[in-house]
C-alpha atoms as a PDB file:
ATOM      1  CA  UNK A   1     -71.703  -3.820 114.291  1.00  0.00           C
ATOM      2  CA  UNK A   2     -73.920  -1.045 111.930  1.00  0.00           C
ATOM      3  CA  UNK A   3     -73.534  -0.580 108.738  1.00  0.00           C
ATOM      4  CA  UNK A   4     -74.300   2.775 106.996  1.00  0.00           C
ATOM      5  CA  UNK A   5     -76.891   2.461 104.810  1.00  0.00           C
ATOM      6  CA  UNK A   6     -77.460   6.041 103.663  1.00  0.00           C
ATOM      7  CA  UNK A   7     -77.316   6.617  99.739  1.00  0.00           C
ATOM      8  CA  UNK A   8     -74.337   8.411  98.621  1.00  0.00           C
ATOM      9  CA  UNK A   9     -74.763  11.974  98.082  1.00  0.00           C
ATOM     10  CA  UNK A  10     -75.543  13.008  94.663  1.00  0.00           C
ATOM     11  CA  UNK A  11     -72.499  14.898  92.639  1.00  0.00           C
ATOM     12  CA  UNK A  12     -73.286  18.344  91.497  1.00  0.00           C
ATOM     13  CA  UNK A  13     -73.759  18.623  87.625  1.00  0.00           C
ATOM     14  CA  UNK A  14     -71.450  20.570  85.608  1.00  0.00           C
ATOM     15  CA  UNK A  15     -73.209  23.295  83.471  1.00  0.00           C
ATOM     16  CA  UNK A  16     -72.823  22.706  79.528  1.00  0.00           C
ATOM     17  CA  UNK A  17     -70.151  25.148  78.097  1.00  0.00           C
ATOM     18  CA  UNK A  18     -71.409  27.638  75.713  1.00  0.00           C
ATOM     19  CA  UNK A  19     -70.223  26.829  71.824  1.00  0.00           C
ATOM     20  CA  UNK A  20     -68.500  29.792  70.558  1.00  0.00           C
ATOM     21  CA  UNK A  21     -70.140  30.714  67.167  1.00  0.00           C
ATOM     22  CA  UNK A  22     -67.525  29.684  64.157  1.00  0.00           C
ATOM     23  CA  UNK A  23     -66.025  32.730  62.449  1.00  0.00           C
ATOM     24  CA  UNK A  24     -65.770  32.991  58.746  1.00  0.00           C
ATOM     25  CA  UNK A  25     -62.437  34.007  57.509  1.00  0.00           C
ATOM     26  CA  UNK A  26     -62.104  37.525  56.688  1.00  0.00           C
ATOM     27  CA  UNK A  27     -60.437  39.625  53.719  1.00  0.00           C
ATOM     28  CA  UNK A  28     -57.073  39.649  55.692  1.00  0.00           C
ATOM     29  CA  UNK A  29     -57.225  35.670  56.176  1.00  0.00           C
ATOM     30  CA  UNK A  30     -57.745  35.265  52.617  1.00  0.00           C
ATOM     31  CA  UNK A  31     -54.722  37.585  51.611  1.00  0.00           C
ATOM     32  CA  UNK A  32     -52.698  35.755  53.976  1.00  0.00           C
ATOM     33  CA  UNK A  33     -53.268  32.423  52.740  1.00  0.00           C
ATOM     34  CA  UNK A  34     -52.622  33.580  49.094  1.00  0.00           C
ATOM     35  CA  UNK A  35     -49.486  35.327  49.984  1.00  0.00           C
ATOM     36  CA  UNK A  36     -48.311  32.135  51.636  1.00  0.00           C
ATOM     37  CA  UNK A  37     -49.282  29.968  48.633  1.00  0.00           C
ATOM     38  CA  UNK A  38     -47.269  32.332  46.319  1.00  0.00           C
ATOM     39  CA  UNK A  39     -44.296  32.613  48.665  1.00  0.00           C
ATOM     40  CA  UNK A  40     -44.154  28.705  48.708  1.00  0.00           C
ATOM     41  CA  UNK A  41     -44.408  28.309  44.819  1.00  0.00           C
ATOM     42  CA  UNK A  42     -41.799  31.057  44.290  1.00  0.00           C
ATOM     43  CA  UNK A  43     -39.511  29.013  46.741  1.00  0.00           C
ATOM     44  CA  UNK A  44     -40.186  25.871  44.978  1.00  0.00           C
ATOM     45  CA  UNK A  45     -39.326  27.862  41.774  1.00  0.00           C
ATOM     46  CA  UNK A  46     -36.362  28.820  43.215  1.00  0.00           C
ATOM     47  CA  UNK A  47     -34.824  25.851  44.570  1.00  0.00           C
ATOM     48  CA  UNK A  48     -35.568  24.183  41.073  1.00  0.00           C
ATOM     49  CA  UNK A  49     -33.703  26.670  39.297  1.00  0.00           C
ATOM     50  CA  UNK A  50     -30.858  26.597  41.645  1.00  0.00           C
ATOM     51  CA  UNK A  51     -30.686  23.155  41.177  1.00  0.00           C
ATOM     52  CA  UNK A  52     -30.507  23.312  37.514  1.00  0.00           C
ATOM     53  CA  UNK A  53     -27.748  25.738  37.998  1.00  0.00           C
ATOM     54  CA  UNK A  54     -25.813  23.686  40.249  1.00  0.00           C
ATOM     55  CA  UNK A  55     -26.243  20.772  37.753  1.00  0.00           C
ATOM     56  CA  UNK A  56     -24.756  22.925  34.843  1.00  0.00           C
ATOM     57  CA  UNK A  57     -22.258  24.368  36.964  1.00  0.00           C
ATOM     58  CA  UNK A  58     -21.023  20.835  38.112  1.00  0.00           C
ATOM     59  CA  UNK A  59     -21.111  19.720  34.237  1.00  0.00           C
ATOM     60  CA  UNK A  60     -19.196  22.742  33.487  1.00  0.00           C
ATOM     61  CA  UNK A  61     -16.631  21.560  36.071  1.00  0.00           C
ATOM     62  CA  UNK A  62     -16.374  18.123  34.828  1.00  0.00           C
ATOM     63  CA  UNK A  63     -15.695  19.499  31.331  1.00  0.00           C
ATOM     64  CA  UNK A  64     -13.282  21.718  32.372  1.00  0.00           C
ATOM     65  CA  UNK A  65     -11.311  19.028  34.286  1.00  0.00           C
ATOM     66  CA  UNK A  66     -11.762  16.483  31.372  1.00  0.00           C
ATOM     67  CA  UNK A  67     -10.887  19.447  28.492  1.00  0.00           C
ATOM     68  CA  UNK A  68      -7.069  18.396  28.932  1.00  0.00           C
ATOM     69  CA  UNK A  69      -7.689  14.865  28.214  1.00  0.00           C
ATOM     70  CA  UNK A  70      -9.756  15.418  25.590  1.00  0.00           C
ATOM     71  CA  UNK A  71      -7.710  17.510  23.578  1.00  0.00           C
ATOM     72  CA  UNK A  72      -7.513  16.496  19.864  1.00  0.00           C
ATOM     73  CA  UNK A  73      -3.993  15.321  19.230  1.00  0.00           C
ATOM     74  CA  UNK A  74      -1.697  16.931  16.554  1.00  0.00           C
ATOM     75  CA  UNK A  75      -1.024  14.851  13.618  1.00  0.00           C
ATOM     76  CA  UNK A  76       2.212  13.368  12.995  1.00  0.00           C
ATOM     77  CA  UNK A  77       4.959  15.610  11.330  1.00  0.00           C
ATOM     78  CA  UNK A  78       8.197  14.543   9.351  1.00  0.00           C
ATOM     79  CA  UNK A  79      11.346  16.755   9.739  1.00  0.00           C
ATOM     80  CA  UNK A  80      12.009  18.112   6.374  1.00  0.00           C
ATOM     81  CA  UNK A  81      14.999  19.856   7.573  1.00  0.00           C
ATOM     82  CA  UNK A  82      17.052  16.568   7.750  1.00  0.00           C
ATOM     83  CA  UNK A  83      15.881  15.523   4.538  1.00  0.00           C
ATOM     84  CA  UNK A  84      17.097  18.665   3.144  1.00  0.00           C
ATOM     85  CA  UNK A  85      20.328  18.665   4.722  1.00  0.00           C
ATOM     86  CA  UNK A  86      20.741  15.049   3.477  1.00  0.00           C
ATOM     87  CA  UNK A  87      20.150  16.362  -0.012  1.00  0.00           C
ATOM     88  CA  UNK A  88      22.343  19.059   0.114  1.00  0.00           C
ATOM     89  CA  UNK A  89      25.303  16.550   1.120  1.00  0.00           C
ATOM     90  CA  UNK A  90      24.500  14.142  -1.231  1.00  0.00           C
ATOM     91  CA  UNK A  91      24.737  16.982  -3.772  1.00  0.00           C
ATOM     92  CA  UNK A  92      28.311  17.472  -2.764  1.00  0.00           C
ATOM     93  CA  UNK A  93      29.193  14.068  -4.027  1.00  0.00           C
ATOM     94  CA  UNK A  94      29.688  14.131  -7.872  1.00  0.00           C
ATOM     95  CA  UNK A  95      29.135  10.429  -9.049  1.00  0.00           C
ATOM     96  CA  UNK A  96      30.537  10.035 -12.241  1.00  0.00           C
ATOM     97  CA  UNK A  97      30.960   6.426 -13.395  1.00  0.00           C
ATOM     98  CA  UNK A  98      28.691   3.483 -12.220  1.00  0.00           C
ATOM     99  CA  UNK A  99      29.771   0.020 -12.629  1.00  0.00           C
ATOM    100  CA  UNK A 100      27.334  -2.895 -12.687  1.00  0.00           C
ATOM    101  CA  UNK A 101      27.979  -6.451 -12.823  1.00  0.00           C
ATOM    102  CA  UNK A 102      26.338  -9.844 -12.297  1.00  0.00           C
ATOM    103  CA  UNK A 103      27.896 -12.357  -9.945  1.00  0.00           C
ATOM    104  CA  UNK A 104      27.008 -16.135  -9.658  1.00  0.00           C
ATOM    105  CA  UNK A 105      28.032 -17.075  -6.296  1.00  0.00           C
ATOM    106  CA  UNK A 106      27.535 -20.539  -4.684  1.00  0.00           C
ATOM    107  CA  UNK A 107      27.399 -21.222  -0.775  1.00  0.00           C
ATOM    108  CA  UNK A 108      27.804 -24.227   1.345  1.00  0.00           C
ATOM    109  CA  UNK A 109      27.328 -25.408   4.732  1.00  0.00           C
ATOM    110  CA  UNK A 110      27.770 -29.103   5.858  1.00  0.00           C
ATOM    111  CA  UNK A 111      26.340 -30.980   8.772  1.00  0.00           C
ATOM    112  CA  UNK A 112      28.800 -33.233  10.520  1.00  0.00           C
ATOM    113  CA  UNK A 113      28.267 -35.912  13.107  1.00  0.00           C
ATOM    114  CA  UNK A 114      31.538 -36.881  14.476  1.00  0.00           C
ATOM    115  CA  UNK A 115      34.203 -36.797  11.796  1.00  0.00           C
ATOM    116  CA  UNK A 116      31.667 -37.767   9.120  1.00  0.00           C
ATOM    117  CA  UNK A 117      29.600 -35.298   6.860  1.00  0.00           C
ATOM    118  CA  UNK A 118      25.928 -36.488   6.866  1.00  0.00           C
ATOM    119  CA  UNK A 119      24.413 -33.563   4.846  1.00  0.00           C
ATOM    120  CA  UNK A 120      25.389 -30.405   2.782  1.00  0.00           C
ATOM    121  CA  UNK A 121      23.074 -27.526   1.987  1.00  0.00           C
ATOM    122  CA  UNK A 122      24.248 -25.817  -1.153  1.00  0.00           C
ATOM    123  CA  UNK A 123      22.944 -22.263  -2.680  1.00  0.00           C
ATOM    124  CA  UNK A 124      23.525 -20.533  -5.775  1.00  0.00           C
ATOM    125  CA  UNK A 125      22.913 -16.872  -5.732  1.00  0.00           C
ATOM    126  CA  UNK A 126      22.952 -14.502  -8.693  1.00  0.00           C
ATOM    127  CA  UNK A 127      23.945 -11.185  -7.748  1.00  0.00           C
ATOM    128  CA  UNK A 128      23.513  -7.997  -9.448  1.00  0.00           C
ATOM    129  CA  UNK A 129      25.958  -5.330  -7.877  1.00  0.00           C
ATOM    130  CA  UNK A 130      26.566  -1.645  -8.380  1.00  0.00           C
ATOM    131  CA  UNK A 131      29.858   0.449  -7.633  1.00  0.00           C
ATOM    132  CA  UNK A 132      29.636   4.140  -7.800  1.00  0.00           C
ATOM    133  CA  UNK A 133      32.876   6.112  -7.936  1.00  0.00           C
ATOM    134  CA  UNK A 134      33.365  10.042  -8.317  1.00  0.00           C
ATOM    135  CA  UNK A 135      34.523  13.187  -6.635  1.00  0.00           C
ATOM    136  CA  UNK A 136      33.879  14.070  -2.940  1.00  0.00           C
ATOM    137  CA  UNK A 137      33.387  18.008  -3.110  1.00  0.00           C
ATOM    138  CA  UNK A 138      33.568  17.986   0.901  1.00  0.00           C
ATOM    139  CA  UNK A 139      37.245  17.241   0.475  1.00  0.00           C
ATOM    140  CA  UNK A 140      37.952  20.461  -1.522  1.00  0.00           C
ATOM    141  CA  UNK A 141      40.141  22.630   0.412  1.00  0.00           C
ATOM    142  CA  UNK A 142      40.951  26.414  -0.395  1.00  0.00           C
ATOM    143  CA  UNK A 143      44.522  25.588  -1.382  1.00  0.00           C
ATOM    144  CA  UNK A 144      43.370  23.449  -3.823  1.00  0.00           C
ATOM    145  CA  UNK A 145      42.046  26.559  -5.719  1.00  0.00           C
ATOM    146  CA  UNK A 146      45.156  28.814  -6.742  1.00  0.00           C
ATOM    147  CA  UNK A 147      46.126  31.321  -9.290  1.00  0.00           C
ATOM    148  CA  UNK A 148      49.529  30.619 -11.153  1.00  0.00           C
ATOM    149  CA  UNK A 149      52.158  32.769 -12.151  1.00  0.00           C
ATOM    150  CA  UNK A 150      50.740  33.277 -15.667  1.00  0.00           C
ATOM    151  CA  UNK A 151      47.592  34.218 -14.013  1.00  0.00           C
ATOM    152  CA  UNK A 152      45.578  31.103 -14.778  1.00  0.00           C
ATOM    153  CA  UNK A 153      43.173  29.694 -12.455  1.00  0.00           C
ATOM    154  CA  UNK A 154      43.826  26.088 -11.344  1.00  0.00           C
ATOM    155  CA  UNK A 155      41.389  23.805  -9.505  1.00  0.00           C
ATOM    156  CA  UNK A 156      42.880  20.518  -8.090  1.00  0.00           C
ATOM    157  CA  UNK A 157      40.470  18.344  -7.622  1.00  0.00           C
ATOM    158  CA  UNK A 158      40.070  15.614  -4.826  1.00  0.00           C
ATOM    159  CA  UNK A 159      41.127  12.083  -5.759  1.00  0.00           C
ATOM    160  CA  UNK A 160      38.491   9.871  -7.085  1.00  0.00           C
ATOM    161  CA  UNK A 161      37.200   7.286  -4.865  1.00  0.00           C
ATOM    162  CA  UNK A 162      34.089   4.645  -4.419  1.00  0.00           C
ATOM    163  CA  UNK A 163      31.124   6.578  -3.179  1.00  0.00           C
ATOM    164  CA  UNK A 164      28.763   3.988  -3.017  1.00  0.00           C
ATOM    165  CA  UNK A 165      28.662   0.001  -3.588  1.00  0.00           C
ATOM    166  CA  UNK A 166      25.458  -2.268  -3.107  1.00  0.00           C
ATOM    167  CA  UNK A 167      23.578  -5.587  -4.234  1.00  0.00           C
ATOM    168  CA  UNK A 168      20.436  -4.527  -5.908  1.00  0.00           C
ATOM    169  CA  UNK A 169      18.316  -7.316  -4.110  1.00  0.00           C
ATOM    170  CA  UNK A 170      15.425  -6.456  -6.451  1.00  0.00           C
ATOM    171  CA  UNK A 171      17.340  -7.621  -9.735  1.00  0.00           C
ATOM    172  CA  UNK A 172      19.456 -10.648  -7.419  1.00  0.00           C
ATOM    173  CA  UNK A 173      17.821 -13.856  -6.691  1.00  0.00           C
ATOM    174  CA  UNK A 174      18.542 -17.323  -5.319  1.00  0.00           C
ATOM    175  CA  UNK A 175      18.819 -19.783  -8.664  1.00  0.00           C
ATOM    176  CA  UNK A 176      19.267 -22.979  -6.536  1.00  0.00           C
ATOM    177  CA  UNK A 177      18.767 -23.973  -2.880  1.00  0.00           C
ATOM    178  CA  UNK A 178      19.669 -27.845  -1.896  1.00  0.00           C
ATOM    179  CA  UNK A 179      19.578 -29.480   1.396  1.00  0.00           C
ATOM    180  CA  UNK A 180      21.097 -32.622  -0.025  1.00  0.00           C
ATOM    181  CA  UNK A 181      20.182 -36.311   0.242  1.00  0.00           C
ATOM    182  CA  UNK A 182      16.752 -36.871   2.633  1.00  0.00           C
ATOM    183  CA  UNK A 183      17.111 -32.961   3.353  1.00  0.00           C
ATOM    184  CA  UNK A 184      20.147 -33.866   5.847  1.00  0.00           C
ATOM    185  CA  UNK A 185      21.733 -30.425   5.388  1.00  0.00           C
ATOM    186  CA  UNK A 186      21.354 -27.598   7.744  1.00  0.00           C
ATOM    187  CA  UNK A 187      18.466 -25.208   7.301  1.00  0.00           C
ATOM    188  CA  UNK A 188      20.584 -22.117   6.891  1.00  0.00           C
ATOM    189  CA  UNK A 189      19.393 -20.515   3.739  1.00  0.00           C
ATOM    190  CA  UNK A 190      19.246 -16.851   5.218  1.00  0.00           C
ATOM    191  CA  UNK A 191      22.771 -17.464   6.398  1.00  0.00           C
ATOM    192  CA  UNK A 192      24.132 -18.515   3.104  1.00  0.00           C
ATOM    193  CA  UNK A 193      22.592 -15.884   1.255  1.00  0.00           C
ATOM    194  CA  UNK A 194      23.802 -13.134   3.329  1.00  0.00           C
ATOM    195  CA  UNK A 195      27.286 -14.707   2.755  1.00  0.00           C
ATOM    196  CA  UNK A 196      26.790 -14.973  -0.856  1.00  0.00           C
ATOM    197  CA  UNK A 197      25.658 -11.360  -0.875  1.00  0.00           C
ATOM    198  CA  UNK A 198      28.967 -10.397   0.645  1.00  0.00           C
ATOM    199  CA  UNK A 199      31.085 -12.427  -1.107  1.00  0.00           C
ATOM    200  CA  UNK A 200      29.162 -10.867  -4.175  1.00  0.00           C
ATOM    201  CA  UNK A 201      29.770  -7.597  -3.517  1.00  0.00           C
ATOM    202  CA  UNK A 202      33.673  -7.913  -2.848  1.00  0.00           C
ATOM    203  CA  UNK A 203      33.739  -9.678  -6.140  1.00  0.00           C
ATOM    204  CA  UNK A 204      32.090  -6.815  -8.043  1.00  0.00           C
ATOM    205  CA  UNK A 205      34.249  -4.535  -6.335  1.00  0.00           C
ATOM    206  CA  UNK A 206      37.379  -6.323  -7.087  1.00  0.00           C
ATOM    207  CA  UNK A 207      36.304  -6.413 -10.889  1.00  0.00           C
ATOM    208  CA  UNK A 208      35.464  -2.796 -11.217  1.00  0.00           C
ATOM    209  CA  UNK A 209      38.829  -1.761  -9.645  1.00  0.00           C
ATOM    210  CA  UNK A 210      40.893  -4.312 -12.127  1.00  0.00           C
ATOM    211  CA  UNK A 211      38.731  -2.507 -14.915  1.00  0.00           C
ATOM    212  CA  UNK A 212      39.990   0.933 -14.143  1.00  0.00           C
ATOM    213  CA  UNK A 213      36.870   2.256 -12.423  1.00  0.00           C
ATOM    214  CA  UNK A 214      38.635   5.064 -10.489  1.00  0.00           C
ATOM    215  CA  UNK A 215      40.651   5.934 -13.370  1.00  0.00           C
ATOM    216  CA  UNK A 216      37.437   6.564 -15.538  1.00  0.00           C
ATOM    217  CA  UNK A 217      35.745   8.264 -12.726  1.00  0.00           C
ATOM    218  CA  UNK A 218      38.702  10.823 -12.756  1.00  0.00           C
ATOM    219  CA  UNK A 219      38.681  11.504 -16.347  1.00  0.00           C
ATOM    220  CA  UNK A 220      34.917  12.009 -16.215  1.00  0.00           C
ATOM    221  CA  UNK A 221      35.018  14.165 -13.215  1.00  0.00           C
ATOM    222  CA  UNK A 222      37.313  16.670 -15.266  1.00  0.00           C
ATOM    223  CA  UNK A 223      34.928  16.490 -18.216  1.00  0.00           C
ATOM    224  CA  UNK A 224      31.889  17.359 -15.797  1.00  0.00           C
ATOM    225  CA  UNK A 225      33.589  20.145 -13.647  1.00  0.00           C
ATOM    226  CA  UNK A 226      34.731  21.664 -17.243  1.00  0.00           C
ATOM    227  CA  UNK A 227      31.229  21.814 -18.398  1.00  0.00           C
ATOM    228  CA  UNK A 228      30.023  23.331 -15.065  1.00  0.00           C
ATOM    229  CA  UNK A 229      32.521  26.192 -15.444  1.00  0.00           C
ATOM    230  CA  UNK A 230      31.922  26.589 -18.860  1.00  0.00           C
ATOM    231  CA  UNK A 231      29.237  29.367 -18.258  1.00  0.00           C
ATOM    232  CA  UNK A 232      31.522  31.507 -15.951  1.00  0.00           C
ATOM    233  CA  UNK A 233      34.420  30.962 -18.354  1.00  0.00           C
ATOM    234  CA  UNK A 234      32.261  32.479 -21.295  1.00  0.00           C
ATOM    235  CA  UNK A 235      31.896  35.792 -19.547  1.00  0.00           C
ATOM    236  CA  UNK A 236      35.508  36.232 -18.856  1.00  0.00           C
ATOM    237  CA  UNK A 237      37.204  39.479 -20.931  1.00  0.00           C
ATOM    238  CA  UNK A 238      39.226  38.875 -24.029  1.00  0.00           C
ATOM    239  CA  UNK A 239      42.673  37.578 -23.315  1.00  0.00           C
ATOM    240  CA  UNK A 240      41.739  36.306 -19.799  1.00  0.00           C
ATOM    241  CA  UNK A 241      43.200  32.785 -19.111  1.00  0.00           C
ATOM    242  CA  UNK A 242      40.723  30.012 -18.971  1.00  0.00           C
ATOM    243  CA  UNK A 243      40.442  27.552 -15.746  1.00  0.00           C
ATOM    244  CA  UNK A 244      42.677  24.535 -15.576  1.00  0.00           C
ATOM    245  CA  UNK A 245      41.209  21.327 -14.034  1.00  0.00           C
ATOM    246  CA  UNK A 246      43.798  19.484 -12.286  1.00  0.00           C
ATOM    247  CA  UNK A 247      42.913  15.787 -11.330  1.00  0.00           C
ATOM    248  CA  UNK A 248      44.805  13.742  -8.647  1.00  0.00           C
ATOM    249  CA  UNK A 249      45.585   9.959  -9.142  1.00  0.00           C
ATOM    250  CA  UNK A 250      43.536   7.532  -7.505  1.00  0.00           C
ATOM    251  CA  UNK A 251      44.550   6.383  -3.950  1.00  0.00           C
ATOM    252  CA  UNK A 252      45.503   2.628  -4.032  1.00  0.00           C
ATOM    253  CA  UNK A 253      43.817   2.210  -0.815  1.00  0.00           C
ATOM    254  CA  UNK A 254      40.384   3.357  -2.110  1.00  0.00           C
ATOM    255  CA  UNK A 255      40.123   0.221  -4.507  1.00  0.00           C
ATOM    256  CA  UNK A 256      41.586  -2.840  -2.556  1.00  0.00           C
ATOM    257  CA  UNK A 257      42.094  -5.109  -5.489  1.00  0.00           C
ATOM    258  CA  UNK A 258      43.833  -7.760  -3.532  1.00  0.00           C
ATOM    259  CA  UNK A 259      40.826  -7.967  -0.984  1.00  0.00           C
ATOM    260  CA  UNK A 260      39.712 -11.777  -0.416  1.00  0.00           C
ATOM    261  CA  UNK A 261      36.172 -12.789  -1.737  1.00  0.00           C
ATOM    262  CA  UNK A 262      35.376 -14.784   1.287  1.00  0.00           C
ATOM    263  CA  UNK A 263      33.743 -12.693   4.156  1.00  0.00           C
ATOM    264  CA  UNK A 264      35.071 -13.531   7.458  1.00  0.00           C
ATOM    265  CA  UNK A 265      33.952 -16.876   8.996  1.00  0.00           C
ATOM    266  CA  UNK A 266      31.316 -16.616  11.814  1.00  0.00           C
ATOM    267  CA  UNK A 267      31.773 -19.098  14.712  1.00  0.00           C
ATOM    268  CA  UNK A 268      29.413 -21.878  13.633  1.00  0.00           C
ATOM    269  CA  UNK A 269      27.876 -24.474  15.976  1.00  0.00           C
ATOM    270  CA  UNK A 270      30.097 -27.282  17.204  1.00  0.00           C
ATOM    271  CA  UNK A 271      28.541 -30.062  15.217  1.00  0.00           C
ATOM    272  CA  UNK A 272      28.589 -27.866  11.904  1.00  0.00           C
ATOM    273  CA  UNK A 273      31.380 -26.308   9.748  1.00  0.00           C
ATOM    274  CA  UNK A 274      30.980 -22.762   8.736  1.00  0.00           C
ATOM    275  CA  UNK A 275      29.045 -22.023   5.314  1.00  0.00           C
ATOM    276  CA  UNK A 276      31.648 -20.799   2.658  1.00  0.00           C
ATOM    277  CA  UNK A 277      31.438 -19.064  -0.635  1.00  0.00           C
ATOM    278  CA  UNK A 278      34.040 -20.584  -2.995  1.00  0.00           C
ATOM    279  CA  UNK A 279      36.606 -18.369  -4.597  1.00  0.00           C
ATOM    280  CA  UNK A 280      35.627 -19.770  -7.804  1.00  0.00           C
ATOM    281  CA  UNK A 281      32.407 -17.478  -8.308  1.00  0.00           C
ATOM    282  CA  UNK A 282      31.457 -17.057 -11.641  1.00  0.00           C
ATOM    283  CA  UNK A 283      30.941 -13.570 -12.988  1.00  0.00           C
ATOM    284  CA  UNK A 284      28.877 -12.550 -15.520  1.00  0.00           C
ATOM    285  CA  UNK A 285      29.861 -10.160 -18.316  1.00  0.00           C
ATOM    286  CA  UNK A 286      30.377  -6.724 -16.809  1.00  0.00           C
ATOM    287  CA  UNK A 287      28.061  -3.947 -17.835  1.00  0.00           C
ATOM    288  CA  UNK A 288      29.884  -0.791 -19.420  1.00  0.00           C
ATOM    289  CA  UNK A 289      30.722   2.072 -17.215  1.00  0.00           C
ATOM    290  CA  UNK A 290      27.984   4.906 -17.042  1.00  0.00           C
ATOM    291  CA  UNK A 291      27.845   8.564 -16.185  1.00  0.00           C
END
């Protein structure tokens, strides 16, 4: 077997490529580069400005949405019209007499165990009451003002009545409060005081009626109305008849003298009897009637 011992044939060598000479940028290329830089800078400025505008626009939208919730609240107001109406209504009532009196009212409540009283609570209350009486002109009717056959004008006043009655808590006080031995009496101070105030108010009202409060109010009402009409009567022509004020007798139902002093009993607990304000409440000297 023969081996080919011929040397490999030489490969053809490639001729080196000529290197192109580097060209220096011309005037046009420099202008193009400058324009590209300017365009890029302008685009960046536009984008930044747009972003700022979008931010301000978004803030404006958020302020617009939040504006209804951030609106300053108006200050509180008082309805003066209701107060004016109340004042006008109050002026239509002529209070001519005020009766004031102090009443000393004891009240008591026991604590029982089975059939035995194991403790008692006693309260002594000194109440200052005021009863106002006068004329309610809202009850004056057109037929109450008429002209008689002799040409005299007559005004028939409404019947006097009790316009207001109250306990002046600022001048009233609890004189004594005792729960008894070892404090075994029930702790019912507020209930006893409320019952004592009711009993005292009834007692003062009864005393005012017994002393002729409505009759005194009737007399003073005639005097006050006559003084009110005096300026109009002064301008009447000579020979004209003066105005005559005719009072009405008080309604007995307006001043219940026989009203019981004790208030109605409230259902007490099963183990305790109700608090009581005895009928023997002592009265302080009554103050004179005032106009």
